[in-house]
Each structure stands twice: as structure tokens, then as C-alpha cells.
Amino acid sequence: MANTMPPKVSAKTFMLYTEPQPYFSYPARLPADIIADAQRNLVVRDGWASFFYHTYDSISYLQQTVTGLKSLGYTLVAPTAA
């Protein structure tokens, strides 16, 4: 059966996912990977970024990601505020 899962990074929406374990054929994605992608996304004018955090993963992944994104100048907002 063909893999029907969406890609982990979408250039249209700049979706960034934490995935500390390999998933299907996708490699593990750690906070450093997300922060590096967020750095590259800064060249997009009026762009936005989002990421998904698995609550069963270590809270340190979330803390590292948020700290790294804020250091790049990103502002985190609730989905209801967007």
C-alpha cells in the first residue's frame, strides 16, 4: 500500500513538526531541525510558521523549540488569536 501521509514540512503553510522518532520514511525531527527551518523561513515576507508537539514527548523538546523560535523573533500566539 502506498504511503498516503502528508509531508512533514509543507512549503505552502510552513508547518513544522517535532518527531523525535523516525516516522515511516521520514527521519527524526528535533528542536534544532525546527529552529533551522524557521530560520530559513524568515526570508518569506508576511509568512507564518506553526509546529505540532506530541504531548507524550519530553517537555524539553517544547521548551527548546519555543526558546529557539523566540530568539529568532517569532511571536507565539494562540490559534484563536490568529
N, C-alpha and C. Protein backbone atom coordinates (compact mmCIF):
# COMPACT_ATOMS: atom_id res chain seq x y z
N MET A 1 0.85 -1.18 0.00
CA MET A 1 0.00 0.00 0.00
C MET A 1 0.89 1.24 0.00
N ALA A 2 0.54 2.22 -0.77
CA ALA A 2 1.33 3.45 -0.88
C ALA A 2 1.22 4.27 0.40
N ASN A 3 2.27 4.97 0.71
CA ASN A 3 2.29 5.85 1.87
C ASN A 3 1.46 7.09 1.53
N THR A 4 0.37 7.31 2.24
CA THR A 4 -0.52 8.44 1.96
C THR A 4 -0.38 9.56 2.99
N MET A 5 0.65 9.47 3.84
CA MET A 5 0.84 10.50 4.86
C MET A 5 1.35 11.78 4.21
N PRO A 6 0.93 12.95 4.70
CA PRO A 6 1.42 14.21 4.14
C PRO A 6 2.88 14.41 4.49
N PRO A 7 3.59 15.25 3.75
CA PRO A 7 4.99 15.50 4.08
C PRO A 7 5.10 16.20 5.42
N LYS A 8 6.23 16.03 6.06
CA LYS A 8 6.45 16.62 7.37
C LYS A 8 6.62 18.14 7.30
N VAL A 9 7.09 18.66 6.20
CA VAL A 9 7.25 20.11 6.05
C VAL A 9 6.52 20.52 4.78
N SER A 10 5.65 21.47 4.88
CA SER A 10 4.90 21.95 3.74
C SER A 10 5.34 23.37 3.42
N ALA A 11 5.84 23.60 2.23
CA ALA A 11 6.30 24.94 1.85
C ALA A 11 5.15 25.93 1.80
N LYS A 12 3.92 25.45 1.56
CA LYS A 12 2.78 26.36 1.49
C LYS A 12 2.41 26.92 2.85
N THR A 13 2.45 26.09 3.86
CA THR A 13 1.99 26.53 5.17
C THR A 13 3.09 26.65 6.19
N PHE A 14 4.30 26.25 5.84
CA PHE A 14 5.44 26.30 6.75
C PHE A 14 5.15 25.52 8.03
N MET A 15 4.48 24.39 7.90
CA MET A 15 4.18 23.55 9.06
C MET A 15 5.45 22.84 9.51
N LEU A 16 5.74 22.88 10.78
CA LEU A 16 6.93 22.25 11.33
C LEU A 16 6.51 21.30 12.44
N TYR A 17 6.93 20.07 12.36
CA TYR A 17 6.52 19.06 13.32
C TYR A 17 7.70 18.53 14.11
N THR A 18 7.52 18.36 15.41
CA THR A 18 8.52 17.63 16.17
C THR A 18 8.21 16.16 16.03
N GLU A 19 9.19 15.38 15.76
CA GLU A 19 9.02 13.94 15.62
C GLU A 19 10.35 13.31 16.02
N PRO A 20 10.59 13.13 17.34
CA PRO A 20 11.89 12.66 17.79
C PRO A 20 12.22 11.22 17.38
N GLN A 21 11.25 10.48 16.90
CA GLN A 21 11.47 9.13 16.40
C GLN A 21 11.20 9.12 14.90
N PRO A 22 11.96 8.33 14.13
CA PRO A 22 11.65 8.23 12.70
C PRO A 22 10.21 7.78 12.50
N TYR A 23 9.54 8.30 11.49
CA TYR A 23 8.14 8.01 11.22
C TYR A 23 8.00 7.63 9.76
N PHE A 24 7.60 6.41 9.48
CA PHE A 24 7.59 5.87 8.12
C PHE A 24 8.98 6.10 7.54
N SER A 25 9.09 6.78 6.44
CA SER A 25 10.40 7.01 5.83
C SER A 25 10.99 8.37 6.20
N TYR A 26 10.33 9.11 7.10
CA TYR A 26 10.81 10.42 7.49
C TYR A 26 11.81 10.29 8.63
N PRO A 27 12.89 11.05 8.60
CA PRO A 27 13.85 11.00 9.70
C PRO A 27 13.30 11.71 10.94
N ALA A 28 13.94 11.47 12.07
CA ALA A 28 13.55 12.17 13.30
C ALA A 28 13.71 13.67 13.11
N ARG A 29 12.80 14.45 13.70
CA ARG A 29 12.88 15.92 13.65
C ARG A 29 12.94 16.43 15.08
N LEU A 30 14.05 17.00 15.42
CA LEU A 30 14.28 17.51 16.76
C LEU A 30 14.19 19.03 16.76
N PRO A 31 14.16 19.65 17.95
CA PRO A 31 14.05 21.11 18.02
C PRO A 31 15.06 21.85 17.14
N ALA A 32 16.29 21.38 17.06
CA ALA A 32 17.30 22.05 16.23
C ALA A 32 16.88 22.06 14.76
N ASP A 33 16.23 20.99 14.29
CA ASP A 33 15.75 20.93 12.91
C ASP A 33 14.65 21.96 12.67
N ILE A 34 13.74 22.07 13.62
CA ILE A 34 12.62 23.02 13.50
C ILE A 34 13.14 24.46 13.53
N ILE A 35 14.07 24.73 14.42
CA ILE A 35 14.63 26.08 14.53
C ILE A 35 15.39 26.44 13.26
N ALA A 36 16.13 25.49 12.69
CA ALA A 36 16.86 25.75 11.44
C ALA A 36 15.88 26.04 10.30
N ASP A 37 14.78 25.28 10.22
CA ASP A 37 13.77 25.56 9.20
C ASP A 37 13.11 26.92 9.43
N ALA A 38 12.86 27.26 10.68
CA ALA A 38 12.27 28.56 11.00
C ALA A 38 13.20 29.69 10.58
N GLN A 39 14.50 29.50 10.75
CA GLN A 39 15.49 30.50 10.33
C GLN A 39 15.40 30.70 8.82
N ARG A 40 15.31 29.61 8.07
CA ARG A 40 15.19 29.72 6.61
C ARG A 40 13.87 30.37 6.19
N ASN A 41 12.82 30.17 6.96
CA ASN A 41 11.51 30.76 6.62
C ASN A 41 11.47 32.27 6.83
N LEU A 42 12.44 32.82 7.53
CA LEU A 42 12.44 34.27 7.77
C LEU A 42 12.58 35.08 6.49
N VAL A 43 13.01 34.47 5.41
CA VAL A 43 13.13 35.20 4.14
C VAL A 43 11.77 35.43 3.49
N VAL A 44 10.75 34.77 3.97
CA VAL A 44 9.40 34.91 3.41
C VAL A 44 8.72 36.10 4.06
N ARG A 45 8.36 37.08 3.26
CA ARG A 45 7.69 38.26 3.79
C ARG A 45 6.25 37.90 4.10
N ASP A 46 5.75 38.33 5.24
CA ASP A 46 4.39 38.08 5.70
C ASP A 46 4.10 36.58 5.85
N GLY A 47 5.13 35.79 6.06
CA GLY A 47 4.94 34.36 6.27
C GLY A 47 4.56 34.08 7.72
N TRP A 48 4.23 32.85 7.96
CA TRP A 48 3.92 32.42 9.32
C TRP A 48 4.40 30.99 9.47
N ALA A 49 4.56 30.57 10.69
CA ALA A 49 5.05 29.22 10.95
C ALA A 49 4.21 28.59 12.05
N SER A 50 4.16 27.29 12.04
CA SER A 50 3.49 26.57 13.13
C SER A 50 4.20 25.25 13.32
N PHE A 51 4.01 24.65 14.48
CA PHE A 51 4.59 23.34 14.71
C PHE A 51 3.65 22.55 15.61
N PHE A 52 3.81 21.25 15.55
CA PHE A 52 2.99 20.34 16.36
C PHE A 52 3.88 19.66 17.36
N TYR A 53 3.45 19.61 18.60
CA TYR A 53 4.20 18.97 19.67
C TYR A 53 3.40 17.78 20.19
N HIS A 54 4.04 16.61 20.20
CA HIS A 54 3.40 15.43 20.79
C HIS A 54 3.53 15.51 22.30
N THR A 55 2.42 15.49 23.00
CA THR A 55 2.45 15.66 24.46
C THR A 55 3.12 14.50 25.18
N TYR A 56 3.30 13.38 24.53
CA TYR A 56 3.99 12.27 25.18
C TYR A 56 5.51 12.37 25.04
N ASP A 57 6.00 13.35 24.28
CA ASP A 57 7.44 13.57 24.17
C ASP A 57 7.92 14.39 25.36
N SER A 58 9.20 14.44 25.53
CA SER A 58 9.81 15.20 26.61
C SER A 58 9.43 16.68 26.50
N ILE A 59 9.11 17.28 27.63
CA ILE A 59 8.76 18.71 27.64
C ILE A 59 9.96 19.56 27.22
N SER A 60 11.16 19.00 27.37
CA SER A 60 12.35 19.77 26.96
C SER A 60 12.35 20.05 25.47
N TYR A 61 11.75 19.17 24.64
CA TYR A 61 11.63 19.45 23.20
C TYR A 61 10.80 20.70 22.97
N LEU A 62 9.71 20.83 23.68
CA LEU A 62 8.86 22.01 23.53
C LEU A 62 9.60 23.25 24.02
N GLN A 63 10.25 23.15 25.17
CA GLN A 63 10.97 24.30 25.71
C GLN A 63 12.08 24.77 24.77
N GLN A 64 12.84 23.84 24.22
CA GLN A 64 13.92 24.19 23.29
C GLN A 64 13.37 24.84 22.03
N THR A 65 12.27 24.30 21.52
CA THR A 65 11.68 24.84 20.30
C THR A 65 11.16 26.25 20.51
N VAL A 66 10.42 26.45 21.58
CA VAL A 66 9.87 27.78 21.87
C VAL A 66 10.99 28.79 22.10
N THR A 67 11.99 28.43 22.88
CA THR A 67 13.11 29.34 23.13
C THR A 67 13.82 29.70 21.83
N GLY A 68 14.06 28.71 20.99
CA GLY A 68 14.73 28.95 19.72
C GLY A 68 13.92 29.83 18.78
N LEU A 69 12.62 29.58 18.70
CA LEU A 69 11.76 30.39 17.83
C LEU A 69 11.69 31.83 18.32
N LYS A 70 11.56 32.02 19.63
CA LYS A 70 11.52 33.38 20.17
C LYS A 70 12.83 34.11 19.91
N SER A 71 13.96 33.39 20.00
CA SER A 71 15.26 34.04 19.77
C SER A 71 15.41 34.49 18.32
N LEU A 72 14.65 33.89 17.41
CA LEU A 72 14.65 34.31 16.01
C LEU A 72 13.69 35.46 15.74
N GLY A 73 12.91 35.84 16.76
CA GLY A 73 11.98 36.94 16.59
C GLY A 73 10.54 36.52 16.35
N TYR A 74 10.28 35.21 16.36
CA TYR A 74 8.90 34.74 16.20
C TYR A 74 8.09 35.10 17.44
N THR A 75 6.82 35.38 17.25
CA THR A 75 5.88 35.61 18.32
C THR A 75 4.90 34.45 18.32
N LEU A 76 4.73 33.82 19.45
CA LEU A 76 3.82 32.70 19.56
C LEU A 76 2.45 33.21 20.01
N VAL A 77 1.42 32.82 19.29
CA VAL A 77 0.05 33.23 19.61
C VAL A 77 -0.84 32.01 19.66
N ALA A 78 -1.92 32.12 20.39
CA ALA A 78 -2.91 31.04 20.44
C ALA A 78 -3.60 30.95 19.09
N PRO A 79 -3.99 29.75 18.67
CA PRO A 79 -4.70 29.61 17.39
C PRO A 79 -5.95 30.48 17.30
N THR A 80 -6.59 30.71 18.41
CA THR A 80 -7.82 31.51 18.40
C THR A 80 -7.52 32.99 18.19
N ALA A 81 -6.27 33.41 18.38
CA ALA A 81 -5.90 34.81 18.22
C ALA A 81 -5.46 35.12 16.79
N ALA A 82 -5.22 34.10 16.01
CA ALA A 82 -4.68 34.31 14.65
C ALA A 82 -5.74 34.78 13.69
